[in-house]
């Protein structure tokens, strides 16, 4: 799993991207991402979620989202991206993490 070194921020929100590779999933799989900046220590904002394909091949992911009440600005940021499976277990879906990537990035104003 990778996170691109550059994300985008505009009046709508934030767009993050990267690549992933996934195999051996029995449930629905998603790429989730979140972002934080030093100006708001301890605050992490979820940015969208993309359905993943677990066929062993490398795929691109792009997550976009509006962040209510956030003051995210162009500049340094930290991203956490996760490939997460919702695996059936009886009547429940259990979250199973396939990969997690932490990456310092630069947000660029669009």
PDB file of N, CA and C in Angstrom:
ATOM      1  N   UNK A   1       0.849  -1.166   0.000  1.00  0.00           N
ATOM      2  CA  UNK A   1       0.000   0.000   0.000  1.00  0.00           C
ATOM      3  C   UNK A   1       0.888   1.220   0.000  1.00  0.00           C
ATOM      4  N   UNK A   2       0.496   2.235  -0.805  1.00  0.00           N
ATOM      5  CA  UNK A   2       1.225   3.499  -0.825  1.00  0.00           C
ATOM      6  C   UNK A   2       0.251   4.658  -0.702  1.00  0.00           C
ATOM      7  N   UNK A   3       0.804   5.796  -0.298  1.00  0.00           N
ATOM      8  CA  UNK A   3       0.079   7.063  -0.278  1.00  0.00           C
ATOM      9  C   UNK A   3       0.907   8.032  -1.111  1.00  0.00           C
ATOM     10  N   UNK A   4       0.269   8.693  -2.080  1.00  0.00           N
ATOM     11  CA  UNK A   4       0.984   9.665  -2.899  1.00  0.00           C
ATOM     12  C   UNK A   4       1.508  10.805  -2.032  1.00  0.00           C
ATOM     13  N   UNK A   5       2.663  11.341  -2.405  1.00  0.00           N
ATOM     14  CA  UNK A   5       3.334  12.386  -1.625  1.00  0.00           C
ATOM     15  C   UNK A   5       2.603  13.718  -1.665  1.00  0.00           C
ATOM     16  N   UNK A   6       1.620  13.855  -2.554  1.00  0.00           N
ATOM     17  CA  UNK A   6       0.882  15.106  -2.692  1.00  0.00           C
ATOM     18  C   UNK A   6      -0.612  14.848  -2.696  1.00  0.00           C
ATOM     19  N   UNK A   7      -1.351  15.622  -1.901  1.00  0.00           N
ATOM     20  CA  UNK A   7      -2.809  15.597  -1.903  1.00  0.00           C
ATOM     21  C   UNK A   7      -3.319  16.948  -2.356  1.00  0.00           C
ATOM     22  N   UNK A   8      -4.633  17.063  -2.552  1.00  0.00           N
ATOM     23  CA  UNK A   8      -5.242  18.307  -3.029  1.00  0.00           C
ATOM     24  C   UNK A   8      -6.244  18.803  -2.003  1.00  0.00           C
ATOM     25  N   UNK A   9      -6.299  20.113  -1.843  1.00  0.00           N
ATOM     26  CA  UNK A   9      -7.297  20.729  -0.978  1.00  0.00           C
ATOM     27  C   UNK A   9      -7.922  21.896  -1.737  1.00  0.00           C
ATOM     28  N   UNK A  10      -9.239  22.033  -1.628  1.00  0.00           N
ATOM     29  CA  UNK A  10      -9.949  23.151  -2.255  1.00  0.00           C
ATOM     30  C   UNK A  10     -11.130  23.522  -1.370  1.00  0.00           C
ATOM     31  N   UNK A  11     -12.018  24.359  -1.863  1.00  0.00           N
ATOM     32  CA  UNK A  11     -13.144  24.817  -1.049  1.00  0.00           C
ATOM     33  C   UNK A  11     -14.112  23.682  -0.718  1.00  0.00           C
ATOM     34  N   UNK A  12     -14.102  22.604  -1.489  1.00  0.00           N
ATOM     35  CA  UNK A  12     -14.963  21.457  -1.205  1.00  0.00           C
ATOM     36  C   UNK A  12     -14.376  20.585  -0.104  1.00  0.00           C
ATOM     37  N   UNK A  13     -13.101  20.280  -0.213  1.00  0.00           N
ATOM     38  CA  UNK A  13     -12.500  19.361   0.746  1.00  0.00           C
ATOM     39  C   UNK A  13     -11.130  18.904   0.305  1.00  0.00           C
ATOM     40  N   UNK A  14     -10.854  17.616   0.524  1.00  0.00           N
ATOM     41  CA  UNK A  14      -9.519  17.049   0.320  1.00  0.00           C
ATOM     42  C   UNK A  14      -9.609  15.823  -0.579  1.00  0.00           C
ATOM     43  N   UNK A  15      -8.588  15.634  -1.424  1.00  0.00           N
ATOM     44  CA  UNK A  15      -8.457  14.431  -2.243  1.00  0.00           C
ATOM     45  C   UNK A  15      -7.098  13.801  -1.960  1.00  0.00           C
ATOM     46  N   UNK A  16      -7.121  12.524  -1.622  1.00  0.00           N
ATOM     47  CA  UNK A  16      -5.911  11.753  -1.345  1.00  0.00           C
ATOM     48  C   UNK A  16      -5.873  10.562  -2.293  1.00  0.00           C
ATOM     49  N   UNK A  17      -4.675  10.029  -2.552  1.00  0.00           N
ATOM     50  CA  UNK A  17      -4.568   8.907  -3.484  1.00  0.00           C
ATOM     51  C   UNK A  17      -3.321   8.087  -3.200  1.00  0.00           C
ATOM     52  N   UNK A  18      -3.230   6.952  -3.884  1.00  0.00           N
ATOM     53  CA  UNK A  18      -2.084   6.063  -3.767  1.00  0.00           C
ATOM     54  C   UNK A  18      -2.354   4.765  -4.491  1.00  0.00           C
ATOM     55  N   UNK A  19      -1.681   3.703  -4.073  1.00  0.00           N
ATOM     56  CA  UNK A  19      -1.873   2.388  -4.681  1.00  0.00           C
ATOM     57  C   UNK A  19      -2.047   1.344  -3.590  1.00  0.00           C
ATOM     58  N   UNK A  20      -2.608   0.200  -3.971  1.00  0.00           N
ATOM     59  CA  UNK A  20      -2.743  -0.930  -3.046  1.00  0.00           C
ATOM     60  C   UNK A  20      -2.708  -2.222  -3.838  1.00  0.00           C
ATOM     61  N   UNK A  21      -2.426  -3.290  -3.134  1.00  0.00           N
ATOM     62  CA  UNK A  21      -2.506  -4.651  -3.678  1.00  0.00           C
ATOM     63  C   UNK A  21      -3.155  -5.490  -2.591  1.00  0.00           C
ATOM     64  N   UNK A  22      -4.109  -6.320  -2.971  1.00  0.00           N
ATOM     65  CA  UNK A  22      -4.870  -7.087  -1.990  1.00  0.00           C
ATOM     66  C   UNK A  22      -5.137  -8.492  -2.538  1.00  0.00           C
ATOM     67  N   UNK A  23      -5.046  -9.485  -1.648  1.00  0.00           N
ATOM     68  CA  UNK A  23      -5.365 -10.867  -2.007  1.00  0.00           C
ATOM     69  C   UNK A  23      -6.122 -11.519  -0.856  1.00  0.00           C
ATOM     70  N   UNK A  24      -6.729 -12.645  -1.137  1.00  0.00           N
ATOM     71  CA  UNK A  24      -7.325 -13.532  -0.127  1.00  0.00           C
ATOM     72  C   UNK A  24      -8.397 -12.869   0.731  1.00  0.00           C
ATOM     73  N   UNK A  25      -9.307 -12.156   0.117  1.00  0.00           N
ATOM     74  CA  UNK A  25     -10.423 -11.567   0.861  1.00  0.00           C
ATOM     75  C   UNK A  25     -11.682 -12.394   0.635  1.00  0.00           C
ATOM     76  N   UNK A  26     -12.481 -12.552   1.684  1.00  0.00           N
ATOM     77  CA  UNK A  26     -13.752 -13.264   1.561  1.00  0.00           C
ATOM     78  C   UNK A  26     -14.938 -12.319   1.716  1.00  0.00           C
ATOM     79  N   UNK A  27     -14.679 -11.089   2.154  1.00  0.00           N
ATOM     80  CA  UNK A  27     -15.739 -10.096   2.330  1.00  0.00           C
ATOM     81  C   UNK A  27     -15.473  -8.857   1.494  1.00  0.00           C
ATOM     82  N   UNK A  28     -16.304  -7.842   1.702  1.00  0.00           N
ATOM     83  CA  UNK A  28     -16.115  -6.555   1.019  1.00  0.00           C
ATOM     84  C   UNK A  28     -14.857  -5.888   1.557  1.00  0.00           C
ATOM     85  N   UNK A  29     -14.069  -5.272   0.658  1.00  0.00           N
ATOM     86  CA  UNK A  29     -12.815  -4.632   1.053  1.00  0.00           C
ATOM     87  C   UNK A  29     -12.832  -3.180   0.596  1.00  0.00           C
ATOM     88  N   UNK A  30     -12.291  -2.307   1.454  1.00  0.00           N
ATOM     89  CA  UNK A  30     -12.280  -0.877   1.183  1.00  0.00           C
ATOM     90  C   UNK A  30     -10.907  -0.292   1.503  1.00  0.00           C
ATOM     91  N   UNK A  31     -10.581   0.812   0.827  1.00  0.00           N
ATOM     92  CA  UNK A  31      -9.421   1.614   1.195  1.00  0.00           C
ATOM     93  C   UNK A  31      -9.972   2.847   1.901  1.00  0.00           C
ATOM     94  N   UNK A  32      -9.649   2.978   3.172  1.00  0.00           N
ATOM     95  CA  UNK A  32     -10.074   4.124   3.973  1.00  0.00           C
ATOM     96  C   UNK A  32      -8.866   5.019   4.192  1.00  0.00           C
ATOM     97  N   UNK A  33      -9.109   6.322   4.351  1.00  0.00           N
ATOM     98  CA  UNK A  33      -8.001   7.233   4.613  1.00  0.00           C
ATOM     99  C   UNK A  33      -8.437   8.324   5.573  1.00  0.00           C
ATOM    100  N   UNK A  34      -7.448   8.878   6.261  1.00  0.00           N
ATOM    101  CA  UNK A  34      -7.698  10.007   7.151  1.00  0.00           C
ATOM    102  C   UNK A  34      -6.487  10.929   7.099  1.00  0.00           C
ATOM    103  N   UNK A  35      -6.699  12.177   7.521  1.00  0.00           N
ATOM    104  CA  UNK A  35      -5.643  13.190   7.427  1.00  0.00           C
ATOM    105  C   UNK A  35      -5.611  14.023   8.694  1.00  0.00           C
ATOM    106  N   UNK A  36      -4.424  14.506   9.025  1.00  0.00           N
ATOM    107  CA  UNK A  36      -4.266  15.424  10.149  1.00  0.00           C
ATOM    108  C   UNK A  36      -3.193  16.441   9.791  1.00  0.00           C
ATOM    109  N   UNK A  37      -3.235  17.584  10.502  1.00  0.00           N
ATOM    110  CA  UNK A  37      -2.217  18.610  10.339  1.00  0.00           C
ATOM    111  C   UNK A  37      -1.781  19.099  11.710  1.00  0.00           C
ATOM    112  N   UNK A  38      -0.546  19.583  11.795  1.00  0.00           N
ATOM    113  CA  UNK A  38       0.027  20.024  13.063  1.00  0.00           C
ATOM    114  C   UNK A  38      -0.765  21.170  13.686  1.00  0.00           C
ATOM    115  N   UNK A  39      -1.460  21.976  12.874  1.00  0.00           N
ATOM    116  CA  UNK A  39      -2.229  23.115  13.391  1.00  0.00           C
ATOM    117  C   UNK A  39      -3.375  22.667  14.293  1.00  0.00           C
ATOM    118  N   UNK A  40      -3.812  21.411  14.144  1.00  0.00           N
ATOM    119  CA  UNK A  40      -4.881  20.857  14.974  1.00  0.00           C
ATOM    120  C   UNK A  40      -4.412  19.522  15.563  1.00  0.00           C
ATOM    121  N   UNK A  41      -3.492  19.583  16.543  1.00  0.00           N
ATOM    122  CA  UNK A  41      -2.949  18.338  17.096  1.00  0.00           C
ATOM    123  C   UNK A  41      -4.041  17.447  17.684  1.00  0.00           C
ATOM    124  N   UNK A  42      -3.920  16.158  17.390  1.00  0.00           N
ATOM    125  CA  UNK A  42      -4.877  15.195  17.926  1.00  0.00           C
ATOM    126  C   UNK A  42      -6.150  15.055  17.119  1.00  0.00           C
ATOM    127  N   UNK A  43      -6.357  15.900  16.116  1.00  0.00           N
ATOM    128  CA  UNK A  43      -7.557  15.784  15.280  1.00  0.00           C
ATOM    129  C   UNK A  43      -7.205  15.078  13.985  1.00  0.00           C
ATOM    130  N   UNK A  44      -7.971  14.049  13.681  1.00  0.00           N
ATOM    131  CA  UNK A  44      -7.796  13.274  12.454  1.00  0.00           C
ATOM    132  C   UNK A  44      -9.138  13.254  11.743  1.00  0.00           C
ATOM    133  N   UNK A  45      -9.128  13.569  10.455  1.00  0.00           N
ATOM    134  CA  UNK A  45     -10.359  13.676   9.683  1.00  0.00           C
ATOM    135  C   UNK A  45     -10.450  12.552   8.656  1.00  0.00           C
ATOM    136  N   UNK A  46     -11.564  11.798   8.644  1.00  0.00           N
ATOM    137  CA  UNK A  46     -11.738  10.751   7.628  1.00  0.00           C
ATOM    138  C   UNK A  46     -11.966  11.384   6.254  1.00  0.00           C
ATOM    139  N   UNK A  47     -11.315  10.804   5.250  1.00  0.00           N
ATOM    140  CA  UNK A  47     -11.469  11.279   3.874  1.00  0.00           C
ATOM    141  C   UNK A  47     -11.926  10.113   3.017  1.00  0.00           C
ATOM    142  N   UNK A  48     -13.215  10.032   2.784  1.00  0.00           N
ATOM    143  CA  UNK A  48     -13.801   9.070   1.862  1.00  0.00           C
ATOM    144  C   UNK A  48     -13.428   7.618   2.105  1.00  0.00           C
ATOM    145  N   UNK A  49     -13.814   6.801   1.169  1.00  0.00           N
ATOM    146  CA  UNK A  49     -13.519   5.372   1.175  1.00  0.00           C
ATOM    147  C   UNK A  49     -13.761   4.828  -0.220  1.00  0.00           C
ATOM    148  N   UNK A  50     -12.873   3.980  -0.667  1.00  0.00           N
ATOM    149  CA  UNK A  50     -12.946   3.420  -2.011  1.00  0.00           C
ATOM    150  C   UNK A  50     -13.055   1.913  -1.908  1.00  0.00           C
ATOM    151  N   UNK A  51     -13.949   1.332  -2.690  1.00  0.00           N
ATOM    152  CA  UNK A  51     -14.054  -0.128  -2.730  1.00  0.00           C
ATOM    153  C   UNK A  51     -12.804  -0.697  -3.387  1.00  0.00           C
ATOM    154  N   UNK A  52     -12.252  -1.743  -2.799  1.00  0.00           N
ATOM    155  CA  UNK A  52     -11.012  -2.340  -3.295  1.00  0.00           C
ATOM    156  C   UNK A  52     -11.300  -3.635  -4.052  1.00  0.00           C
ATOM    157  N   UNK A  53     -10.410  -3.954  -4.972  1.00  0.00           N
ATOM    158  CA  UNK A  53     -10.458  -5.202  -5.730  1.00  0.00           C
ATOM    159  C   UNK A  53      -9.297  -6.057  -5.249  1.00  0.00           C
ATOM    160  N   UNK A  54      -9.588  -7.241  -4.763  1.00  0.00           N
ATOM    161  CA  UNK A  54      -8.545  -8.118  -4.206  1.00  0.00           C
ATOM    162  C   UNK A  54      -8.213  -9.245  -5.167  1.00  0.00           C
ATOM    163  N   UNK A  55      -7.520  -8.884  -6.239  1.00  0.00           N
ATOM    164  CA  UNK A  55      -7.151  -9.865  -7.259  1.00  0.00           C
ATOM    165  C   UNK A  55      -5.641 -10.059  -7.354  1.00  0.00           C
ATOM    166  N   UNK A  56      -4.885  -9.512  -6.389  1.00  0.00           N
ATOM    167  CA  UNK A  56      -3.437  -9.656  -6.389  1.00  0.00           C
ATOM    168  C   UNK A  56      -2.705  -8.658  -7.256  1.00  0.00           C
ATOM    169  N   UNK A  57      -3.433  -7.843  -8.014  1.00  0.00           N
ATOM    170  CA  UNK A  57      -2.817  -6.838  -8.885  1.00  0.00           C
ATOM    171  C   UNK A  57      -2.771  -5.492  -8.171  1.00  0.00           C
ATOM    172  N   UNK A  58      -1.844  -4.648  -8.617  1.00  0.00           N
ATOM    173  CA  UNK A  58      -1.759  -3.302  -8.054  1.00  0.00           C
ATOM    174  C   UNK A  58      -2.864  -2.421  -8.654  1.00  0.00           C
ATOM    175  N   UNK A  59      -3.535  -1.667  -7.788  1.00  0.00           N
ATOM    176  CA  UNK A  59      -4.613  -0.769  -8.196  1.00  0.00           C
ATOM    177  C   UNK A  59      -4.395   0.609  -7.590  1.00  0.00           C
ATOM    178  N   UNK A  60      -4.930   1.645  -8.235  1.00  0.00           N
ATOM    179  CA  UNK A  60      -4.923   3.007  -7.690  1.00  0.00           C
ATOM    180  C   UNK A  60      -6.149   3.182  -6.821  1.00  0.00           C
ATOM    181  N   UNK A  61      -6.017   3.982  -5.785  1.00  0.00           N
ATOM    182  CA  UNK A  61      -7.158   4.408  -4.990  1.00  0.00           C
ATOM    183  C   UNK A  61      -7.154   5.935  -4.932  1.00  0.00           C
ATOM    184  N   UNK A  62      -8.345   6.510  -4.909  1.00  0.00           N
ATOM    185  CA  UNK A  62      -8.527   7.954  -4.768  1.00  0.00           C
ATOM    186  C   UNK A  62      -9.708   8.161  -3.838  1.00  0.00           C
ATOM    187  N   UNK A  63      -9.482   8.870  -2.743  1.00  0.00           N
ATOM    188  CA  UNK A  63     -10.543   9.190  -1.790  1.00  0.00           C
ATOM    189  C   UNK A  63     -10.679  10.701  -1.703  1.00  0.00           C
ATOM    190  N   UNK A  64     -11.917  11.171  -1.787  1.00  0.00           N
ATOM    191  CA  UNK A  64     -12.206  12.600  -1.660  1.00  0.00           C
ATOM    192  C   UNK A  64     -13.305  12.784  -0.637  1.00  0.00           C
ATOM    193  N   UNK A  65     -13.271  13.921   0.034  1.00  0.00           N
ATOM    194  CA  UNK A  65     -14.339  14.187   0.980  1.00  0.00           C
ATOM    195  C   UNK A  65     -14.293  15.585   1.538  1.00  0.00           C
ATOM    196  N   UNK A  66     -15.468  16.057   1.909  1.00  0.00           N
ATOM    197  CA  UNK A  66     -15.615  17.341   2.574  1.00  0.00           C
ATOM    198  C   UNK A  66     -15.417  17.114   4.067  1.00  0.00           C
ATOM    199  N   UNK A  67     -14.703  18.009   4.705  1.00  0.00           N
ATOM    200  CA  UNK A  67     -14.417  17.867   6.123  1.00  0.00           C
ATOM    201  C   UNK A  67     -15.112  19.003   6.868  1.00  0.00           C
ATOM    202  N   UNK A  68     -16.261  18.705   7.481  1.00  0.00           N
ATOM    203  CA  UNK A  68     -17.021  19.717   8.206  1.00  0.00           C
ATOM    204  C   UNK A  68     -16.225  20.260   9.385  1.00  0.00           C
ATOM    205  N   UNK A  69     -16.142  21.575   9.473  1.00  0.00           N
ATOM    206  CA  UNK A  69     -15.497  22.217  10.604  1.00  0.00           C
ATOM    207  C   UNK A  69     -13.987  22.149  10.606  1.00  0.00           C
ATOM    208  N   UNK A  70     -13.376  21.546   9.624  1.00  0.00           N
ATOM    209  CA  UNK A  70     -11.921  21.429   9.592  1.00  0.00           C
ATOM    210  C   UNK A  70     -11.314  22.680   8.963  1.00  0.00           C
ATOM    211  N   UNK A  71     -10.124  22.973   9.387  1.00  0.00           N
ATOM    212  CA  UNK A  71      -9.398  24.100   8.804  1.00  0.00           C
ATOM    213  C   UNK A  71      -8.151  23.583   8.093  1.00  0.00           C
ATOM    214  N   UNK A  72      -8.329  22.556   7.291  1.00  0.00           N
ATOM    215  CA  UNK A  72      -7.213  21.990   6.548  1.00  0.00           C
ATOM    216  C   UNK A  72      -6.758  22.984   5.487  1.00  0.00           C
ATOM    217  N   UNK A  73      -5.444  23.182   5.414  1.00  0.00           N
ATOM    218  CA  UNK A  73      -4.871  24.159   4.491  1.00  0.00           C
ATOM    219  C   UNK A  73      -3.721  23.537   3.725  1.00  0.00           C
ATOM    220  N   UNK A  74      -3.345  24.191   2.633  1.00  0.00           N
ATOM    221  CA  UNK A  74      -2.170  23.756   1.881  1.00  0.00           C
ATOM    222  C   UNK A  74      -0.970  23.731   2.817  1.00  0.00           C
ATOM    223  N   UNK A  75      -0.117  22.729   2.630  1.00  0.00           N
ATOM    224  CA  UNK A  75       1.079  22.586   3.461  1.00  0.00           C
ATOM    225  C   UNK A  75       1.256  21.160   3.922  1.00  0.00           C
ATOM    226  N   UNK A  76       2.037  20.982   4.949  1.00  0.00           N
ATOM    227  CA  UNK A  76       2.340  19.639   5.464  1.00  0.00           C
ATOM    228  C   UNK A  76       1.125  18.999   6.112  1.00  0.00           C
ATOM    229  N   UNK A  77       1.004  17.685   5.926  1.00  0.00           N
ATOM    230  CA  UNK A  77      -0.089  16.919   6.529  1.00  0.00           C
ATOM    231  C   UNK A  77       0.390  15.485   6.728  1.00  0.00           C
ATOM    232  N   UNK A  78      -0.364  14.737   7.513  1.00  0.00           N
ATOM    233  CA  UNK A  78      -0.058  13.323   7.739  1.00  0.00           C
ATOM    234  C   UNK A  78      -1.289  12.502   7.360  1.00  0.00           C
ATOM    235  N   UNK A  79      -1.074  11.463   6.559  1.00  0.00           N
ATOM    236  CA  UNK A  79      -2.169  10.608   6.080  1.00  0.00           C
ATOM    237  C   UNK A  79      -1.982   9.193   6.615  1.00  0.00           C
ATOM    238  N   UNK A  80      -3.096   8.595   7.022  1.00  0.00           N
ATOM    239  CA  UNK A  80      -3.139   7.174   7.330  1.00  0.00           C
ATOM    240  C   UNK A  80      -4.106   6.546   6.341  1.00  0.00           C
ATOM    241  N   UNK A  81      -3.652   5.525   5.617  1.00  0.00           N
ATOM    242  CA  UNK A  81      -4.508   4.801   4.672  1.00  0.00           C
ATOM    243  C   UNK A  81      -4.532   3.330   5.091  1.00  0.00           C
ATOM    244  N   UNK A  82      -5.713   2.725   4.987  1.00  0.00           N
ATOM    245  CA  UNK A  82      -5.906   1.356   5.449  1.00  0.00           C
ATOM    246  C   UNK A  82      -6.700   0.555   4.429  1.00  0.00           C
ATOM    247  N   UNK A  83      -6.246  -0.656   4.136  1.00  0.00           N
ATOM    248  CA  UNK A  83      -7.052  -1.610   3.378  1.00  0.00           C
ATOM    249  C   UNK A  83      -7.762  -2.465   4.424  1.00  0.00           C
ATOM    250  N   UNK A  84      -9.102  -2.345   4.454  1.00  0.00           N
ATOM    251  CA  UNK A  84      -9.911  -2.973   5.497  1.00  0.00           C
ATOM    252  C   UNK A  84     -10.960  -3.876   4.863  1.00  0.00           C
ATOM    253  N   UNK A  85     -11.040  -5.111   5.364  1.00  0.00           N
ATOM    254  CA  UNK A  85     -12.046  -6.058   4.897  1.00  0.00           C
ATOM    255  C   UNK A  85     -13.141  -6.193   5.951  1.00  0.00           C
ATOM    256  N   UNK A  86     -14.369  -6.280   5.503  1.00  0.00           N
ATOM    257  CA  UNK A  86     -15.491  -6.605   6.381  1.00  0.00           C
ATOM    258  C   UNK A  86     -15.804  -8.077   6.135  1.00  0.00           C
ATOM    259  N   UNK A  87     -15.246  -8.935   6.979  1.00  0.00           N
ATOM    260  CA  UNK A  87     -15.311 -10.381   6.784  1.00  0.00           C
ATOM    261  C   UNK A  87     -16.529 -10.968   7.495  1.00  0.00           C
ATOM    262  N   UNK A  88     -17.347 -11.748   6.766  1.00  0.00           N
ATOM    263  CA  UNK A  88     -18.507 -12.383   7.394  1.00  0.00           C
ATOM    264  C   UNK A  88     -18.083 -13.355   8.491  1.00  0.00           C
ATOM    265  N   UNK A  89     -18.789 -13.278   9.629  1.00  0.00           N
ATOM    266  CA  UNK A  89     -18.544 -14.188  10.750  1.00  0.00           C
ATOM    267  C   UNK A  89     -19.882 -14.417  11.440  1.00  0.00           C
ATOM    268  N   UNK A  90     -20.580 -15.460  11.018  1.00  0.00           N
ATOM    269  CA  UNK A  90     -21.939 -15.684  11.520  1.00  0.00           C
ATOM    270  C   UNK A  90     -22.846 -14.577  11.006  1.00  0.00           C
ATOM    271  N   UNK A  91     -23.540 -13.896  11.908  1.00  0.00           N
ATOM    272  CA  UNK A  91     -24.428 -12.801  11.486  1.00  0.00           C
ATOM    273  C   UNK A  91     -23.724 -11.442  11.536  1.00  0.00           C
ATOM    274  N   UNK A  92     -22.452 -11.441  11.911  1.00  0.00           N
ATOM    275  CA  UNK A  92     -21.695 -10.199  12.023  1.00  0.00           C
ATOM    276  C   UNK A  92     -20.694 -10.051  10.889  1.00  0.00           C
ATOM    277  N   UNK A  93     -20.273  -8.807  10.650  1.00  0.00           N
ATOM    278  CA  UNK A  93     -19.150  -8.520   9.768  1.00  0.00           C
ATOM    279  C   UNK A  93     -18.013  -8.031  10.650  1.00  0.00           C
ATOM    280  N   UNK A  94     -16.891  -8.750  10.635  1.00  0.00           N
ATOM    281  CA  UNK A  94     -15.750  -8.373  11.457  1.00  0.00           C
ATOM    282  C   UNK A  94     -14.730  -7.605  10.624  1.00  0.00           C
ATOM    283  N   UNK A  95     -14.251  -6.457  11.123  1.00  0.00           N
ATOM    284  CA  UNK A  95     -13.228  -5.718  10.391  1.00  0.00           C
ATOM    285  C   UNK A  95     -11.875  -6.427  10.491  1.00  0.00           C
ATOM    286  N   UNK A  96     -11.233  -6.616   9.343  1.00  0.00           N
ATOM    287  CA  UNK A  96      -9.917  -7.246   9.283  1.00  0.00           C
ATOM    288  C   UNK A  96      -9.007  -6.315   8.486  1.00  0.00           C
ATOM    289  N   UNK A  97      -7.922  -5.892   9.106  1.00  0.00           N
ATOM    290  CA  UNK A  97      -6.979  -4.993   8.440  1.00  0.00           C
ATOM    291  C   UNK A  97      -6.017  -5.805   7.582  1.00  0.00           C
ATOM    292  N   UNK A  98      -5.913  -5.420   6.303  1.00  0.00           N
ATOM    293  CA  UNK A  98      -4.958  -6.065   5.396  1.00  0.00           C
ATOM    294  C   UNK A  98      -3.649  -5.294   5.333  1.00  0.00           C
ATOM    295  N   UNK A  99      -3.715  -3.950   5.399  1.00  0.00           N
ATOM    296  CA  UNK A  99      -2.506  -3.118   5.318  1.00  0.00           C
ATOM    297  C   UNK A  99      -2.808  -1.728   5.862  1.00  0.00           C
ATOM    298  N   UNK A 100      -1.791  -1.113   6.449  1.00  0.00           N
ATOM    299  CA  UNK A 100      -1.894   0.269   6.928  1.00  0.00           C
ATOM    300  C   UNK A 100      -0.628   0.997   6.496  1.00  0.00           C
ATOM    301  N   UNK A 101      -0.791   2.206   6.001  1.00  0.00           N
ATOM    302  CA  UNK A 101       0.351   3.025   5.599  1.00  0.00           C
ATOM    303  C   UNK A 101       0.212   4.403   6.222  1.00  0.00           C
ATOM    304  N   UNK A 102       1.292   4.876   6.814  1.00  0.00           N
ATOM    305  CA  UNK A 102       1.366   6.241   7.355  1.00  0.00           C
ATOM    306  C   UNK A 102       2.331   7.021   6.472  1.00  0.00           C
ATOM    307  N   UNK A 103       1.933   8.225   6.056  1.00  0.00           N
ATOM    308  CA  UNK A 103       2.781   8.985   5.137  1.00  0.00           C
ATOM    309  C   UNK A 103       2.616  10.481   5.401  1.00  0.00           C
ATOM    310  N   UNK A 104       3.750  11.176   5.533  1.00  0.00           N
ATOM    311  CA  UNK A 104       3.722  12.638   5.544  1.00  0.00           C
ATOM    312  C   UNK A 104       3.610  13.089   4.104  1.00  0.00           C
ATOM    313  N   UNK A 105       2.686  14.013   3.851  1.00  0.00           N
ATOM    314  CA  UNK A 105       2.448  14.485   2.484  1.00  0.00           C
ATOM    315  C   UNK A 105       2.416  16.018   2.479  1.00  0.00           C
ATOM    316  N   UNK A 106       2.277  16.568   1.285  1.00  0.00           N
ATOM    317  CA  UNK A 106       2.042  17.993   1.098  1.00  0.00           C
ATOM    318  C   UNK A 106       0.677  18.167   0.475  1.00  0.00           C
ATOM    319  N   UNK A 107      -0.162  18.984   1.112  1.00  0.00           N
ATOM    320  CA  UNK A 107      -1.447  19.353   0.517  1.00  0.00           C
ATOM    321  C   UNK A 107      -1.221  20.559  -0.372  1.00  0.00           C
ATOM    322  N   UNK A 108      -1.717  20.488  -1.595  1.00  0.00           N
ATOM    323  CA  UNK A 108      -1.579  21.560  -2.570  1.00  0.00           C
ATOM    324  C   UNK A 108      -2.950  22.174  -2.793  1.00  0.00           C
ATOM    325  N   UNK A 109      -3.020  23.492  -2.784  1.00  0.00           N
ATOM    326  CA  UNK A 109      -4.292  24.197  -3.008  1.00  0.00           C
ATOM    327  C   UNK A 109      -4.683  24.112  -4.484  1.00  0.00           C
ATOM    328  N   UNK A 110      -5.928  23.705  -4.741  1.00  0.00           N
ATOM    329  CA  UNK A 110      -6.469  23.692  -6.116  1.00  0.00           C
ATOM    330  C   UNK A 110      -7.162  24.999  -6.408  1.00  0.00           C
TER     331      UNK A 110
END
